[in-house]
């Protein structure tokens, strides 16, 4: 009989849910930003800083989830999740965009994603895990 535990989770089992959640968070925030720009609430001059803030929020969330799911090396898993979010967005941007890639902006975005995912990973690693079955006395 097999027990269902978190022991021995595969890298895909840790990174995929974290990266997907971070990516969805980033895209949702970008959609909200696009709506605000379209309505005139947000000026076009703040699009780039908002995009970095949205990327940072999504990467931080991905890092938090990855570090909560990982048993060891929580910071490395968080950085991996942030890098995955960045790489997916970069690939989508390259495939969908007609403009050439700006290397400086890409590197700054990568550093932003990694720093935010590290912060999210540290927050996730320091969160207390909820004790299951704490109501049962031993």
Protein backbone atom coordinates (compact mmCIF):
# COMPACT_ATOMS: atom_id res chain seq x y z
CA UNK A 1 0.00 0.00 0.00
CA UNK A 2 1.40 3.42 -0.95
CA UNK A 3 1.20 6.39 1.33
CA UNK A 4 0.57 9.83 -0.07
CA UNK A 5 3.26 12.11 1.32
CA UNK A 6 5.30 15.10 0.21
CA UNK A 7 8.52 13.09 0.53
CA UNK A 8 10.41 12.61 -2.67
CA UNK A 9 8.57 15.21 -4.71
CA UNK A 10 9.92 15.53 -8.21
CA UNK A 11 11.34 18.83 -9.41
CA UNK A 12 8.44 19.16 -11.84
CA UNK A 13 6.00 18.56 -8.97
CA UNK A 14 7.53 21.48 -7.10
CA UNK A 15 8.27 23.94 -9.91
CA UNK A 16 5.26 23.47 -12.17
CA UNK A 17 2.52 24.50 -9.72
CA UNK A 18 4.65 27.35 -8.35
CA UNK A 19 5.57 28.69 -11.80
CA UNK A 20 2.00 28.34 -13.08
CA UNK A 21 0.63 30.25 -10.09
CA UNK A 22 3.29 32.95 -10.44
CA UNK A 23 2.67 33.23 -14.16
CA UNK A 24 -1.09 33.52 -13.70
CA UNK A 25 -0.59 36.15 -11.00
CA UNK A 26 1.70 38.16 -13.26
CA UNK A 27 -0.66 37.94 -16.22
CA UNK A 28 -3.68 38.88 -14.14
CA UNK A 29 -1.87 41.95 -12.78
CA UNK A 30 -0.78 42.88 -16.30
CA UNK A 31 -4.37 42.56 -17.51
CA UNK A 32 -5.51 44.89 -14.72
CA UNK A 33 -2.73 47.32 -15.68
CA UNK A 34 -3.78 47.19 -19.34
CA UNK A 35 -7.38 47.92 -18.40
CA UNK A 36 -6.25 50.88 -16.29
CA UNK A 37 -4.14 52.23 -19.18
CA UNK A 38 -7.04 51.80 -21.59
CA UNK A 39 -9.40 53.67 -19.26
CA UNK A 40 -6.88 56.49 -18.83
CA UNK A 41 -6.43 55.89 -15.10
CA UNK A 42 -2.80 54.87 -15.53
CA UNK A 43 -0.53 56.99 -17.73
CA UNK A 44 1.62 55.38 -20.38
CA UNK A 45 4.80 56.66 -18.73
CA UNK A 46 4.40 54.21 -15.82
CA UNK A 47 3.81 51.09 -17.92
CA UNK A 48 7.42 49.82 -17.66
CA UNK A 49 7.71 50.28 -13.86
CA UNK A 50 4.31 48.67 -13.40
CA UNK A 51 5.32 45.73 -15.61
CA UNK A 52 8.40 45.19 -13.42
CA UNK A 53 6.28 45.44 -10.29
CA UNK A 54 3.81 42.90 -11.71
CA UNK A 55 6.67 40.57 -12.67
CA UNK A 56 8.12 40.95 -9.18
CA UNK A 57 4.78 40.17 -7.54
CA UNK A 58 4.25 37.05 -9.65
CA UNK A 59 7.83 35.87 -9.12
CA UNK A 60 7.59 36.46 -5.36
CA UNK A 61 4.40 34.45 -5.22
CA UNK A 62 5.99 31.65 -7.26
CA UNK A 63 9.01 31.65 -4.94
CA UNK A 64 6.79 31.52 -1.88
CA UNK A 65 4.85 28.53 -3.20
CA UNK A 66 7.98 26.68 -4.32
CA UNK A 67 9.70 27.14 -0.98
CA UNK A 68 6.61 25.97 0.88
CA UNK A 69 6.49 22.77 -1.21
CA UNK A 70 10.22 21.98 -1.12
CA UNK A 71 11.72 19.92 1.67
CA UNK A 72 15.28 21.25 1.33
CA UNK A 73 17.16 23.98 -0.55
CA UNK A 74 14.09 26.21 -0.35
CA UNK A 75 15.87 29.29 -1.68
CA UNK A 76 17.11 27.44 -4.77
CA UNK A 77 13.61 26.14 -5.52
CA UNK A 78 12.25 29.67 -5.12
CA UNK A 79 14.86 31.04 -7.53
CA UNK A 80 14.02 28.26 -9.97
CA UNK A 81 10.33 29.13 -9.85
CA UNK A 82 11.07 32.83 -10.42
CA UNK A 83 13.38 31.99 -13.31
CA UNK A 84 10.70 29.74 -14.81
CA UNK A 85 8.14 32.57 -14.69
CA UNK A 86 10.63 34.91 -16.35
CA UNK A 87 11.63 32.42 -19.06
CA UNK A 88 8.02 31.62 -19.94
CA UNK A 89 7.18 35.31 -20.25
CA UNK A 90 10.36 35.94 -22.26
CA UNK A 91 9.54 33.09 -24.65
CA UNK A 92 5.99 34.34 -25.08
CA UNK A 93 7.25 37.87 -25.69
CA UNK A 94 9.77 36.72 -28.30
CA UNK A 95 7.20 34.56 -30.08
CA UNK A 96 4.45 37.19 -30.06
CA UNK A 97 6.46 40.40 -30.41
CA UNK A 98 7.70 41.90 -33.60
CA UNK A 99 10.31 44.07 -31.87
CA UNK A 100 13.89 42.95 -31.18
CA UNK A 101 14.81 41.96 -27.61
CA UNK A 102 16.49 44.73 -25.59
CA UNK A 103 19.31 42.96 -23.71
CA UNK A 104 19.61 45.53 -20.91
CA UNK A 105 15.89 45.53 -20.21
CA UNK A 106 15.85 41.71 -20.32
CA UNK A 107 18.70 41.44 -17.81
CA UNK A 108 17.05 43.98 -15.49
CA UNK A 109 13.78 42.03 -15.71
CA UNK A 110 15.60 38.77 -14.93
CA UNK A 111 17.31 40.31 -11.90
CA UNK A 112 13.97 41.74 -10.75
CA UNK A 113 12.32 38.32 -11.05
CA UNK A 114 15.16 36.54 -9.23
CA UNK A 115 15.32 39.09 -6.41
CA UNK A 116 11.55 38.97 -5.91
CA UNK A 117 11.47 35.17 -6.01
CA UNK A 118 14.27 35.07 -3.43
CA UNK A 119 12.27 37.35 -1.14
CA UNK A 120 9.17 35.23 -1.67
CA UNK A 121 11.21 32.09 -1.04
CA UNK A 122 12.61 33.45 2.21
CA UNK A 123 9.12 34.42 3.31
CA UNK A 124 7.81 30.97 2.44
CA UNK A 125 10.68 29.21 4.18
CA UNK A 126 10.09 31.20 7.36
CA UNK A 127 6.34 30.60 7.46
CA UNK A 128 5.25 28.01 9.94
CA UNK A 129 3.72 24.92 8.51
CA UNK A 130 0.31 24.09 9.81
CA UNK A 131 0.46 21.01 11.97
CA UNK A 132 -1.96 18.40 10.75
CA UNK A 133 -3.91 16.45 13.27
CA UNK A 134 -2.88 18.76 16.09
CA UNK A 135 -6.23 18.08 17.73
CA UNK A 136 -5.32 14.43 18.26
CA UNK A 137 -3.44 13.79 21.48
CA UNK A 138 -0.59 11.34 21.47
